[in-house]
Amino acid sequence: MRLRMNRTQLLPVAFLVLLSAICKARPADRTPHDLSNTVYQVGTQTILDLVVDKLNRLQQEMDELKQQQIITLETREGTYSDTTSIHRIVGPAPLDCHEVRRREPRAVSGVYMIKPRGQFDALPIYCEMDKEGYGWTVFQRRMDGSEDFNRHWRDYSRGFGNVSSEFWLGNEFLHHLTMQYNYILRVEVTDWFNRKYIADYSGFEVDSKRNDFRMTIEEFLGGNATDALTYHSGSKFTTTDKDNDDSEGVNCAVVHHGGWWFQACDRSNLNGLYYQDGTYGGEWDDGIEWKETDGPPFYSYKATKMMLRPWE
């Protein structure tokens, strides 16, 4: 028993529970005269149990809402350090960047306030508008090494960085976002000769914190990049302080750096260390990886982008 309401709060709820119990206990053919007998037939212990059960369930719901609100506020304060150039949309906050494009066909790429279902507050999100009429919700970007991606579980959960440069949107936000529709994931990597490679996937989804933000994809749709993500489908998220990978004897995030959906260990890791000029040595391939082949010489990409739009 974990009651945390005072007596003033308890009485109205107790009365409603008692009234509900009486109504449920009274058959349709009972007369008003029999109602007083019904009250006595509902034992005091039974009523107390009903009250306690109801209050505990209400308290649990309040605790969950409070925790989610804390996460949301931390995300808003800790993730986005530059919101000076936010594009405004008339009406309620869009669910994702593609809704921005549908409501405003002439919308340009930039930062918009987005509020997926289940999210308490709208957050400033970078939206990329393409020539085909789609709006992409960008949730990861690397471009110059200005942001440290070798972070702990808490940071990857709530997000970090600056939407005008390098950032990780946050696993909590990703979960709420990907629960709305069937999303296409586009991975974009750029090498040090500024050649761009794209890989598209259908059915990208991130599970809840309770399931360690497990990532799943349905199918590799193609592109001019190799398929380096299907290997990771079904994997939980791993960071240096929370080992969820399938590798025995080693935490993949410790040796490869950065949080990722490591399996045992990787074919890709876009959150690895930022190496200038691409190739690098060492015992482990801990750079920004999207692998063509395994083994040295290791190669780290210059820029990356991960973004989502609904399947249509």
C-alpha atoms as a PDB file:
ATOM      1  CA  MET A   1       0.000   0.000   0.000  1.00  0.00           C
ATOM      2  CA  ARG A   2       1.494   3.369  -1.024  1.00  0.00           C
ATOM      3  CA  LEU A   3      -1.101   6.061  -0.432  1.00  0.00           C
ATOM      4  CA  ARG A   4       0.261   9.577  -0.740  1.00  0.00           C
ATOM      5  CA  MET A   5      -2.959  11.604  -0.763  1.00  0.00           C
ATOM      6  CA  ASN A   6      -4.093  13.496   2.313  1.00  0.00           C
ATOM      7  CA  ARG A   7      -7.522  13.053   3.914  1.00  0.00           C
ATOM      8  CA  THR A   8      -9.037  15.999   2.046  1.00  0.00           C
ATOM      9  CA  GLN A   9      -8.037  14.459  -1.289  1.00  0.00           C
ATOM     10  CA  LEU A  10      -9.129  10.983  -0.205  1.00  0.00           C
ATOM     11  CA  LEU A  11     -12.747  11.740   0.730  1.00  0.00           C
ATOM     12  CA  PRO A  12     -14.097  12.705  -2.747  1.00  0.00           C
ATOM     13  CA  VAL A  13     -12.468   9.697  -4.364  1.00  0.00           C
ATOM     14  CA  ALA A  14     -13.704   7.383  -1.609  1.00  0.00           C
ATOM     15  CA  PHE A  15     -17.253   8.695  -2.065  1.00  0.00           C
ATOM     16  CA  LEU A  16     -17.134   8.079  -5.833  1.00  0.00           C
ATOM     17  CA  VAL A  17     -15.781   4.574  -5.370  1.00  0.00           C
ATOM     18  CA  LEU A  18     -18.460   3.825  -2.752  1.00  0.00           C
ATOM     19  CA  LEU A  19     -21.191   5.143  -5.050  1.00  0.00           C
ATOM     20  CA  SER A  20     -19.836   3.037  -7.907  1.00  0.00           C
ATOM     21  CA  ALA A  21     -19.802  -0.062  -5.719  1.00  0.00           C
ATOM     22  CA  ILE A  22     -23.398   0.526  -4.599  1.00  0.00           C
ATOM     23  CA  CYS A  23     -24.601   1.010  -8.167  1.00  0.00           C
ATOM     24  CA  LYS A  24     -22.875  -2.152  -9.323  1.00  0.00           C
ATOM     25  CA  ALA A  25     -24.260  -4.104  -6.370  1.00  0.00           C
ATOM     26  CA  ARG A  26     -27.862  -3.006  -6.945  1.00  0.00           C
ATOM     27  CA  PRO A  27     -29.850  -5.204  -9.375  1.00  0.00           C
ATOM     28  CA  ALA A  28     -32.382  -3.570 -11.662  1.00  0.00           C
ATOM     29  CA  ASP A  29     -35.373  -4.922  -9.690  1.00  0.00           C
ATOM     30  CA  ARG A  30     -34.273  -3.550  -6.301  1.00  0.00           C
ATOM     31  CA  THR A  31     -36.446  -0.865  -4.720  1.00  0.00           C
ATOM     32  CA  PRO A  32     -35.187   2.336  -3.081  1.00  0.00           C
ATOM     33  CA  HIS A  33     -36.160   0.763   0.263  1.00  0.00           C
ATOM     34  CA  ASP A  34     -33.598  -1.999  -0.362  1.00  0.00           C
ATOM     35  CA  LEU A  35     -30.800   0.480  -1.065  1.00  0.00           C
ATOM     36  CA  SER A  36     -29.947   0.938   2.605  1.00  0.00           C
ATOM     37  CA  ASN A  37     -29.516  -2.824   2.973  1.00  0.00           C
ATOM     38  CA  THR A  38     -27.215  -2.840  -0.056  1.00  0.00           C
ATOM     39  CA  VAL A  39     -24.876  -0.378   1.649  1.00  0.00           C
ATOM     40  CA  TYR A  40     -24.412  -2.736   4.566  1.00  0.00           C
ATOM     41  CA  GLN A  41     -23.917  -5.699   2.256  1.00  0.00           C
ATOM     42  CA  VAL A  42     -20.867  -4.029   0.729  1.00  0.00           C
ATOM     43  CA  GLY A  43     -18.283  -4.737   3.423  1.00  0.00           C
ATOM     44  CA  THR A  44     -16.170  -1.913   4.745  1.00  0.00           C
ATOM     45  CA  GLN A  45     -13.004  -3.843   3.967  1.00  0.00           C
ATOM     46  CA  THR A  46     -14.138  -4.327   0.359  1.00  0.00           C
ATOM     47  CA  ILE A  47     -14.804  -0.612   0.002  1.00  0.00           C
ATOM     48  CA  LEU A  48     -11.427   0.228   1.505  1.00  0.00           C
ATOM     49  CA  ASP A  49      -9.721  -2.179  -0.887  1.00  0.00           C
ATOM     50  CA  LEU A  50     -11.497  -0.554  -3.828  1.00  0.00           C
ATOM     51  CA  VAL A  51     -10.455   2.903  -2.664  1.00  0.00           C
ATOM     52  CA  VAL A  52      -6.847   1.865  -2.110  1.00  0.00           C
ATOM     53  CA  ASP A  53      -6.650   0.141  -5.497  1.00  0.00           C
ATOM     54  CA  LYS A  54      -8.143   3.140  -7.290  1.00  0.00           C
ATOM     55  CA  LEU A  55      -5.868   5.618  -5.547  1.00  0.00           C
ATOM     56  CA  ASN A  56      -2.777   3.533  -6.227  1.00  0.00           C
ATOM     57  CA  ARG A  57      -3.631   3.341  -9.915  1.00  0.00           C
ATOM     58  CA  LEU A  58      -4.213   7.093 -10.039  1.00  0.00           C
ATOM     59  CA  GLN A  59      -0.925   7.704  -8.247  1.00  0.00           C
ATOM     60  CA  GLN A  60       0.913   5.451 -10.704  1.00  0.00           C
ATOM     61  CA  GLU A  61      -0.551   7.335 -13.661  1.00  0.00           C
ATOM     62  CA  MET A  62       0.426  10.658 -12.078  1.00  0.00           C
ATOM     63  CA  ASP A  63       3.983   9.410 -11.485  1.00  0.00           C
ATOM     64  CA  GLU A  64       4.293   8.299 -15.124  1.00  0.00           C
ATOM     65  CA  LEU A  65       2.987  11.630 -16.406  1.00  0.00           C
ATOM     66  CA  LYS A  66       5.316  13.529 -14.093  1.00  0.00           C
ATOM     67  CA  GLN A  67       8.317  11.497 -15.278  1.00  0.00           C
ATOM     68  CA  GLN A  68       7.407  12.079 -18.925  1.00  0.00           C
ATOM     69  CA  GLN A  69       7.058  15.807 -18.263  1.00  0.00           C
ATOM     70  CA  ILE A  70      10.501  15.865 -16.638  1.00  0.00           C
ATOM     71  CA  ILE A  71      11.974  14.126 -19.691  1.00  0.00           C
ATOM     72  CA  THR A  72      10.251  16.604 -22.010  1.00  0.00           C
ATOM     73  CA  LEU A  73      11.486  19.646 -20.091  1.00  0.00           C
ATOM     74  CA  GLU A  74      15.019  18.244 -19.995  1.00  0.00           C
ATOM     75  CA  THR A  75      14.856  17.714 -23.751  1.00  0.00           C
ATOM     76  CA  ARG A  76      13.649  21.241 -24.375  1.00  0.00           C
ATOM     77  CA  GLU A  77      16.312  22.818 -22.168  1.00  0.00           C
ATOM     78  CA  GLY A  78      19.229  20.496 -22.856  1.00  0.00           C
ATOM     79  CA  THR A  79      19.026  19.586 -26.521  1.00  0.00           C
ATOM     80  CA  TYR A  80      18.453  22.705 -28.562  1.00  0.00           C
ATOM     81  CA  SER A  81      20.764  25.601 -27.869  1.00  0.00           C
ATOM     82  CA  ASP A  82      19.852  27.776 -30.854  1.00  0.00           C
ATOM     83  CA  THR A  83      16.217  28.535 -31.617  1.00  0.00           C
ATOM     84  CA  THR A  84      16.637  32.020 -33.053  1.00  0.00           C
ATOM     85  CA  SER A  85      15.405  31.198 -36.567  1.00  0.00           C
ATOM     86  CA  ILE A  86      12.238  29.191 -36.057  1.00  0.00           C
ATOM     87  CA  HIS A  87       9.705  29.152 -38.891  1.00  0.00           C
ATOM     88  CA  ARG A  88       6.140  29.584 -37.647  1.00  0.00           C
ATOM     89  CA  ILE A  89       3.137  27.532 -38.781  1.00  0.00           C
ATOM     90  CA  VAL A  90      -0.421  28.763 -38.203  1.00  0.00           C
ATOM     91  CA  GLY A  91      -2.515  26.384 -36.118  1.00  0.00           C
ATOM     92  CA  PRO A  92      -1.552  23.458 -33.904  1.00  0.00           C
ATOM     93  CA  ALA A  93       2.014  22.194 -33.968  1.00  0.00           C
ATOM     94  CA  PRO A  94       2.569  19.649 -36.781  1.00  0.00           C
ATOM     95  CA  LEU A  95       3.164  15.980 -35.909  1.00  0.00           C
ATOM     96  CA  ASP A  96       6.286  15.854 -38.089  1.00  0.00           C
ATOM     97  CA  CYS A  97       8.070  17.753 -40.848  1.00  0.00           C
ATOM     98  CA  HIS A  98       6.034  16.147 -43.615  1.00  0.00           C
ATOM     99  CA  GLU A  99       2.895  17.655 -42.106  1.00  0.00           C
ATOM    100  CA  VAL A 100       4.639  21.031 -42.277  1.00  0.00           C
ATOM    101  CA  ARG A 101       5.111  20.500 -46.018  1.00  0.00           C
ATOM    102  CA  ARG A 102       1.506  19.380 -46.531  1.00  0.00           C
ATOM    103  CA  ARG A 103       0.128  22.397 -44.695  1.00  0.00           C
ATOM    104  CA  GLU A 104       2.620  24.827 -46.225  1.00  0.00           C
ATOM    105  CA  PRO A 105       3.600  23.590 -49.732  1.00  0.00           C
ATOM    106  CA  ARG A 106       6.111  26.433 -50.088  1.00  0.00           C
ATOM    107  CA  ALA A 107       7.818  25.706 -46.756  1.00  0.00           C
ATOM    108  CA  VAL A 108      11.610  25.806 -46.918  1.00  0.00           C
ATOM    109  CA  SER A 109      14.201  23.785 -45.024  1.00  0.00           C
ATOM    110  CA  GLY A 110      14.805  25.042 -41.505  1.00  0.00           C
ATOM    111  CA  VAL A 111      13.689  24.774 -37.883  1.00  0.00           C
ATOM    112  CA  TYR A 112       9.996  24.284 -37.055  1.00  0.00           C
ATOM    113  CA  MET A 113       8.098  23.530 -33.856  1.00  0.00           C
ATOM    114  CA  ILE A 114       7.048  19.856 -33.989  1.00  0.00           C
ATOM    115  CA  LYS A 115       4.887  17.929 -31.519  1.00  0.00           C
ATOM    116  CA  PRO A 116       4.398  14.182 -32.085  1.00  0.00           C
ATOM    117  CA  ARG A 117       1.551  12.379 -30.345  1.00  0.00           C
ATOM    118  CA  GLY A 118       2.489  11.564 -26.760  1.00  0.00           C
ATOM    119  CA  GLN A 119       4.901  14.487 -26.477  1.00  0.00           C
ATOM    120  CA  PHE A 120       3.990  17.158 -23.899  1.00  0.00           C
ATOM    121  CA  ASP A 121       5.506  20.151 -25.663  1.00  0.00           C
ATOM    122  CA  ALA A 122       6.375  21.127 -29.208  1.00  0.00           C
ATOM    123  CA  LEU A 123      10.131  21.172 -29.817  1.00  0.00           C
ATOM    124  CA  PRO A 124      12.284  22.977 -32.392  1.00  0.00           C
ATOM    125  CA  ILE A 125      13.209  20.397 -35.050  1.00  0.00           C
ATOM    126  CA  TYR A 126      15.215  20.745 -38.248  1.00  0.00           C
ATOM    127  CA  CYS A 127      13.080  19.916 -41.299  1.00  0.00           C
ATOM    128  CA  GLU A 128      14.545  19.236 -44.723  1.00  0.00           C
ATOM    129  CA  MET A 129      12.215  19.945 -47.645  1.00  0.00           C
ATOM    130  CA  ASP A 130      13.125  18.115 -50.848  1.00  0.00           C
ATOM    131  CA  LYS A 131      12.254  18.784 -54.492  1.00  0.00           C
ATOM    132  CA  GLU A 132       9.759  15.892 -54.591  1.00  0.00           C
ATOM    133  CA  GLY A 133       7.457  17.627 -52.120  1.00  0.00           C
ATOM    134  CA  TYR A 134       8.399  15.665 -48.993  1.00  0.00           C
ATOM    135  CA  GLY A 135       9.272  17.046 -45.588  1.00  0.00           C
ATOM    136  CA  TRP A 136      11.946  15.053 -43.729  1.00  0.00           C
ATOM    137  CA  THR A 137      12.339  15.121 -39.936  1.00  0.00           C
ATOM    138  CA  VAL A 138      16.093  15.162 -39.299  1.00  0.00           C
ATOM    139  CA  PHE A 139      17.111  13.391 -36.087  1.00  0.00           C
ATOM    140  CA  GLN A 140      20.886  13.051 -36.505  1.00  0.00           C
ATOM    141  CA  ARG A 141      23.516  15.184 -38.187  1.00  0.00           C
ATOM    142  CA  ARG A 142      27.320  15.306 -38.253  1.00  0.00           C
ATOM    143  CA  MET A 143      29.210  17.895 -40.247  1.00  0.00           C
ATOM    144  CA  ASP A 144      32.339  19.284 -38.566  1.00  0.00           C
ATOM    145  CA  GLY A 145      33.100  17.443 -35.327  1.00  0.00           C
ATOM    146  CA  SER A 146      31.939  20.345 -33.155  1.00  0.00           C
ATOM    147  CA  GLU A 147      29.699  18.153 -30.963  1.00  0.00           C
ATOM    148  CA  ASP A 148      30.848  15.323 -28.688  1.00  0.00           C
ATOM    149  CA  PHE A 149      28.813  12.193 -29.506  1.00  0.00           C
ATOM    150  CA  ASN A 150      30.609   9.931 -27.020  1.00  0.00           C
ATOM    151  CA  ARG A 151      27.906  10.425 -24.391  1.00  0.00           C
ATOM    152  CA  HIS A 152      25.961   8.523 -21.757  1.00  0.00           C
ATOM    153  CA  TRP A 153      22.498   6.952 -21.850  1.00  0.00           C
ATOM    154  CA  ARG A 154      20.770   9.983 -20.333  1.00  0.00           C
ATOM    155  CA  ASP A 155      22.073  12.312 -23.043  1.00  0.00           C
ATOM    156  CA  TYR A 156      21.052  10.008 -25.873  1.00  0.00           C
ATOM    157  CA  SER A 157      17.626   9.567 -24.279  1.00  0.00           C
ATOM    158  CA  ARG A 158      16.829  13.261 -24.120  1.00  0.00           C
ATOM    159  CA  GLY A 159      18.973  14.454 -27.029  1.00  0.00           C
ATOM    160  CA  PHE A 160      21.856  16.905 -27.359  1.00  0.00           C
ATOM    161  CA  GLY A 161      23.534  19.345 -29.706  1.00  0.00           C
ATOM    162  CA  ASN A 162      22.385  22.253 -31.811  1.00  0.00           C
ATOM    163  CA  VAL A 163      19.766  21.920 -34.560  1.00  0.00           C
ATOM    164  CA  SER A 164      21.655  24.406 -36.707  1.00  0.00           C
ATOM    165  CA  SER A 165      24.757  22.184 -36.751  1.00  0.00           C
ATOM    166  CA  GLU A 166      25.417  18.783 -35.101  1.00  0.00           C
ATOM    167  CA  PHE A 167      22.850  17.003 -32.936  1.00  0.00           C
ATOM    168  CA  TRP A 168      21.048  13.850 -31.844  1.00  0.00           C
ATOM    169  CA  LEU A 169      17.325  14.448 -31.523  1.00  0.00           C
ATOM    170  CA  GLY A 170      16.786  12.075 -28.594  1.00  0.00           C
ATOM    171  CA  ASN A 171      15.533   8.506 -28.275  1.00  0.00           C
ATOM    172  CA  GLU A 172      12.438   9.480 -26.288  1.00  0.00           C
ATOM    173  CA  PHE A 173      11.374  11.838 -29.057  1.00  0.00           C
ATOM    174  CA  LEU A 174      12.234   9.243 -31.719  1.00  0.00           C
ATOM    175  CA  HIS A 175      10.004   6.715 -29.995  1.00  0.00           C
ATOM    176  CA  HIS A 176       7.000   9.066 -29.951  1.00  0.00           C
ATOM    177  CA  LEU A 177       7.657  10.131 -33.542  1.00  0.00           C
ATOM    178  CA  THR A 178       7.943   6.649 -35.041  1.00  0.00           C
ATOM    179  CA  MET A 179       4.819   5.371 -33.274  1.00  0.00           C
ATOM    180  CA  GLN A 180       2.671   7.684 -35.436  1.00  0.00           C
ATOM    181  CA  TYR A 181       3.138   6.267 -38.942  1.00  0.00           C
ATOM    182  CA  ASN A 182       5.115   3.787 -41.015  1.00  0.00           C
ATOM    183  CA  TYR A 183       8.277   5.828 -41.607  1.00  0.00           C
ATOM    184  CA  ILE A 184      10.931   5.709 -44.290  1.00  0.00           C
ATOM    185  CA  LEU A 185      14.440   6.267 -42.965  1.00  0.00           C
ATOM    186  CA  ARG A 186      16.983   7.955 -45.203  1.00  0.00           C
ATOM    187  CA  VAL A 187      20.648   7.687 -44.262  1.00  0.00           C
ATOM    188  CA  GLU A 188      22.937  10.132 -46.008  1.00  0.00           C
ATOM    189  CA  VAL A 189      26.730   9.951 -45.688  1.00  0.00           C
ATOM    190  CA  THR A 190      29.276  12.224 -47.368  1.00  0.00           C
ATOM    191  CA  ASP A 191      32.930  11.288 -47.878  1.00  0.00           C
ATOM    192  CA  TRP A 192      35.956  13.593 -47.811  1.00  0.00           C
ATOM    193  CA  PHE A 193      35.704  14.158 -51.579  1.00  0.00           C
ATOM    194  CA  ASN A 194      32.160  15.482 -50.958  1.00  0.00           C
ATOM    195  CA  ARG A 195      30.561  12.488 -52.668  1.00  0.00           C
ATOM    196  CA  LYS A 196      27.143  11.744 -51.204  1.00  0.00           C
ATOM    197  CA  TYR A 197      25.735   8.248 -50.604  1.00  0.00           C
ATOM    198  CA  ILE A 198      22.126   7.438 -49.715  1.00  0.00           C
ATOM    199  CA  ALA A 199      20.437   4.352 -48.234  1.00  0.00           C
ATOM    200  CA  ASP A 200      16.654   4.181 -47.731  1.00  0.00           C
ATOM    201  CA  TYR A 201      14.757   1.827 -45.398  1.00  0.00           C
ATOM    202  CA  SER A 202      11.063   1.192 -44.779  1.00  0.00           C
ATOM    203  CA  GLY A 203       9.361   0.626 -41.434  1.00  0.00           C
ATOM    204  CA  PHE A 204      11.885   2.386 -39.207  1.00  0.00           C
ATOM    205  CA  GLU A 205      10.723   2.247 -35.591  1.00  0.00           C
ATOM    206  CA  VAL A 206      12.231   2.947 -32.160  1.00  0.00           C
ATOM    207  CA  ASP A 207      10.704   1.194 -29.157  1.00  0.00           C
ATOM    208  CA  SER A 208      10.153   2.721 -25.715  1.00  0.00           C
ATOM    209  CA  LYS A 209      12.682   3.286 -22.943  1.00  0.00           C
ATOM    210  CA  ARG A 210      11.250   0.225 -21.191  1.00  0.00           C
ATOM    211  CA  ASN A 211      12.596  -1.846 -24.108  1.00  0.00           C
ATOM    212  CA  ASP A 212      15.865   0.101 -24.293  1.00  0.00           C
ATOM    213  CA  PHE A 213      14.869   1.960 -27.477  1.00  0.00           C
ATOM    214  CA  ARG A 214      15.100  -1.159 -29.630  1.00  0.00           C
ATOM    215  CA  MET A 215      15.331  -0.256 -33.338  1.00  0.00           C
ATOM    216  CA  THR A 216      13.655  -2.190 -36.140  1.00  0.00           C
ATOM    217  CA  ILE A 217      13.458  -1.728 -39.899  1.00  0.00           C
ATOM    218  CA  GLU A 218      11.401  -3.670 -42.420  1.00  0.00           C
ATOM    219  CA  GLU A 219      13.363  -3.523 -45.650  1.00  0.00           C
ATOM    220  CA  PHE A 220      16.324  -1.968 -47.416  1.00  0.00           C
ATOM    221  CA  LEU A 221      14.795   0.042 -50.267  1.00  0.00           C
ATOM    222  CA  GLY A 222      18.032   0.776 -52.074  1.00  0.00           C
ATOM    223  CA  GLY A 223      20.203   3.762 -52.892  1.00  0.00           C
ATOM    224  CA  ASN A 224      23.801   4.239 -53.974  1.00  0.00           C
ATOM    225  CA  ALA A 225      25.115   3.290 -50.520  1.00  0.00           C
ATOM    226  CA  THR A 226      25.522  -0.233 -49.189  1.00  0.00           C
ATOM    227  CA  ASP A 227      23.053  -1.743 -46.730  1.00  0.00           C
ATOM    228  CA  ALA A 228      24.891  -1.300 -43.437  1.00  0.00           C
ATOM    229  CA  LEU A 229      21.870  -1.058 -41.127  1.00  0.00           C
ATOM    230  CA  THR A 230      19.822  -4.239 -41.607  1.00  0.00           C
ATOM    231  CA  TYR A 231      22.435  -6.046 -39.492  1.00  0.00           C
ATOM    232  CA  HIS A 232      21.420  -3.815 -36.571  1.00  0.00           C
ATOM    233  CA  SER A 233      17.643  -4.263 -36.876  1.00  0.00           C
ATOM    234  CA  GLY A 234      16.204  -5.632 -33.632  1.00  0.00           C
ATOM    235  CA  SER A 235      19.096  -4.320 -31.531  1.00  0.00           C
ATOM    236  CA  LYS A 236      18.693  -2.302 -28.355  1.00  0.00           C
ATOM    237  CA  PHE A 237      20.472   1.012 -27.906  1.00  0.00           C
ATOM    238  CA  THR A 238      23.858   0.845 -26.174  1.00  0.00           C
ATOM    239  CA  THR A 239      26.007   3.551 -24.588  1.00  0.00           C
ATOM    240  CA  THR A 240      29.224   3.450 -22.571  1.00  0.00           C
ATOM    241  CA  ASP A 241      27.234   3.316 -19.315  1.00  0.00           C
ATOM    242  CA  LYS A 242      24.465   0.940 -20.480  1.00  0.00           C
ATOM    243  CA  ASP A 243      25.534  -2.229 -22.287  1.00  0.00           C
ATOM    244  CA  ASN A 244      22.646  -3.756 -24.269  1.00  0.00           C
ATOM    245  CA  ASP A 245      24.623  -5.280 -27.151  1.00  0.00           C
ATOM    246  CA  ASP A 246      25.133  -8.971 -27.955  1.00  0.00           C
ATOM    247  CA  SER A 247      28.915  -8.913 -27.765  1.00  0.00           C
ATOM    248  CA  GLU A 248      30.410 -11.077 -25.020  1.00  0.00           C
ATOM    249  CA  GLY A 249      33.098  -9.586 -22.825  1.00  0.00           C
ATOM    250  CA  VAL A 250      33.061  -6.099 -24.317  1.00  0.00           C
ATOM    251  CA  ASN A 251      30.744  -3.093 -24.411  1.00  0.00           C
ATOM    252  CA  CYS A 252      30.643  -2.104 -28.081  1.00  0.00           C
ATOM    253  CA  ALA A 253      30.057   1.563 -27.218  1.00  0.00           C
ATOM    254  CA  VAL A 254      33.278   1.642 -25.179  1.00  0.00           C
ATOM    255  CA  VAL A 255      35.514   0.365 -27.989  1.00  0.00           C
ATOM    256  CA  HIS A 256      33.641   1.891 -30.947  1.00  0.00           C
ATOM    257  CA  HIS A 257      32.571   5.090 -29.157  1.00  0.00           C
ATOM    258  CA  GLY A 258      29.202   6.832 -29.305  1.00  0.00           C
ATOM    259  CA  GLY A 259      25.711   5.495 -28.619  1.00  0.00           C
ATOM    260  CA  TRP A 260      24.248   3.188 -31.277  1.00  0.00           C
ATOM    261  CA  TRP A 261      22.111   0.116 -31.921  1.00  0.00           C
ATOM    262  CA  PHE A 262      25.143  -2.140 -31.635  1.00  0.00           C
ATOM    263  CA  GLN A 263      24.740  -5.844 -32.169  1.00  0.00           C
ATOM    264  CA  ALA A 264      28.059  -7.690 -31.921  1.00  0.00           C
ATOM    265  CA  CYS A 265      29.361  -5.123 -32.750  1.00  0.00           C
ATOM    266  CA  ASP A 266      28.587  -3.193 -35.952  1.00  0.00           C
ATOM    267  CA  ARG A 267      28.349  -2.656 -39.671  1.00  0.00           C
ATOM    268  CA  SER A 268      27.556   1.011 -39.079  1.00  0.00           C
ATOM    269  CA  ASN A 269      27.940   3.620 -36.359  1.00  0.00           C
ATOM    270  CA  LEU A 270      27.198   7.182 -37.379  1.00  0.00           C
ATOM    271  CA  ASN A 271      27.821   8.456 -33.837  1.00  0.00           C
ATOM    272  CA  GLY A 272      31.493   7.422 -33.631  1.00  0.00           C
ATOM    273  CA  LEU A 273      34.537   9.662 -33.255  1.00  0.00           C
ATOM    274  CA  TYR A 274      35.055  12.420 -35.813  1.00  0.00           C
ATOM    275  CA  TYR A 275      38.337  11.877 -37.688  1.00  0.00           C
ATOM    276  CA  GLN A 276      39.684  14.506 -40.061  1.00  0.00           C
ATOM    277  CA  ASP A 277      40.521  13.391 -43.626  1.00  0.00           C
ATOM    278  CA  GLY A 278      38.814  10.013 -43.491  1.00  0.00           C
ATOM    279  CA  THR A 279      41.355   7.236 -42.994  1.00  0.00           C
ATOM    280  CA  TYR A 280      42.760   6.414 -39.572  1.00  0.00           C
ATOM    281  CA  GLY A 281      44.556   3.621 -37.735  1.00  0.00           C
ATOM    282  CA  GLY A 282      44.134   1.931 -34.395  1.00  0.00           C
ATOM    283  CA  GLU A 283      42.924  -1.315 -32.896  1.00  0.00           C
ATOM    284  CA  TRP A 284      39.216  -0.543 -33.283  1.00  0.00           C
ATOM    285  CA  ASP A 285      37.172   1.077 -36.034  1.00  0.00           C
ATOM    286  CA  ASP A 286      35.682   3.774 -33.833  1.00  0.00           C
ATOM    287  CA  GLY A 287      35.052   6.516 -36.395  1.00  0.00           C
ATOM    288  CA  ILE A 288      31.874   7.474 -38.271  1.00  0.00           C
ATOM    289  CA  GLU A 289      31.207   4.139 -39.937  1.00  0.00           C
ATOM    290  CA  TRP A 290      29.094   2.968 -42.854  1.00  0.00           C
ATOM    291  CA  LYS A 291      31.022  -0.072 -43.903  1.00  0.00           C
ATOM    292  CA  GLU A 292      31.817  -1.316 -47.370  1.00  0.00           C
ATOM    293  CA  THR A 293      34.177  -3.956 -45.958  1.00  0.00           C
ATOM    294  CA  ASP A 294      35.632  -4.941 -42.592  1.00  0.00           C
ATOM    295  CA  GLY A 295      39.197  -4.399 -41.457  1.00  0.00           C
ATOM    296  CA  PRO A 296      41.811  -1.647 -41.852  1.00  0.00           C
ATOM    297  CA  PRO A 297      42.446   0.817 -43.223  1.00  0.00           C
ATOM    298  CA  PHE A 298      39.509   2.306 -41.373  1.00  0.00           C
ATOM    299  CA  TYR A 299      37.456   5.109 -42.918  1.00  0.00           C
ATOM    300  CA  SER A 300      35.443   7.803 -41.138  1.00  0.00           C
ATOM    301  CA  TYR A 301      32.927   9.892 -43.095  1.00  0.00           C
ATOM    302  CA  LYS A 302      32.922  13.674 -43.237  1.00  0.00           C
ATOM    303  CA  ALA A 303      29.183  14.262 -42.806  1.00  0.00           C
ATOM    304  CA  THR A 304      26.056  12.265 -42.001  1.00  0.00           C
ATOM    305  CA  LYS A 305      22.339  12.794 -41.806  1.00  0.00           C
ATOM    306  CA  MET A 306      19.492  10.541 -40.640  1.00  0.00           C
ATOM    307  CA  MET A 307      15.932  11.646 -41.375  1.00  0.00           C
ATOM    308  CA  LEU A 308      12.369  10.340 -41.558  1.00  0.00           C
ATOM    309  CA  ARG A 309       9.190  10.827 -43.539  1.00  0.00           C
ATOM    310  CA  PRO A 310       5.933   8.827 -43.583  1.00  0.00           C
ATOM    311  CA  TRP A 311       5.516   6.084 -46.174  1.00  0.00           C
ATOM    312  CA  GLU A 312       3.050   7.176 -48.871  1.00  0.00           C
END
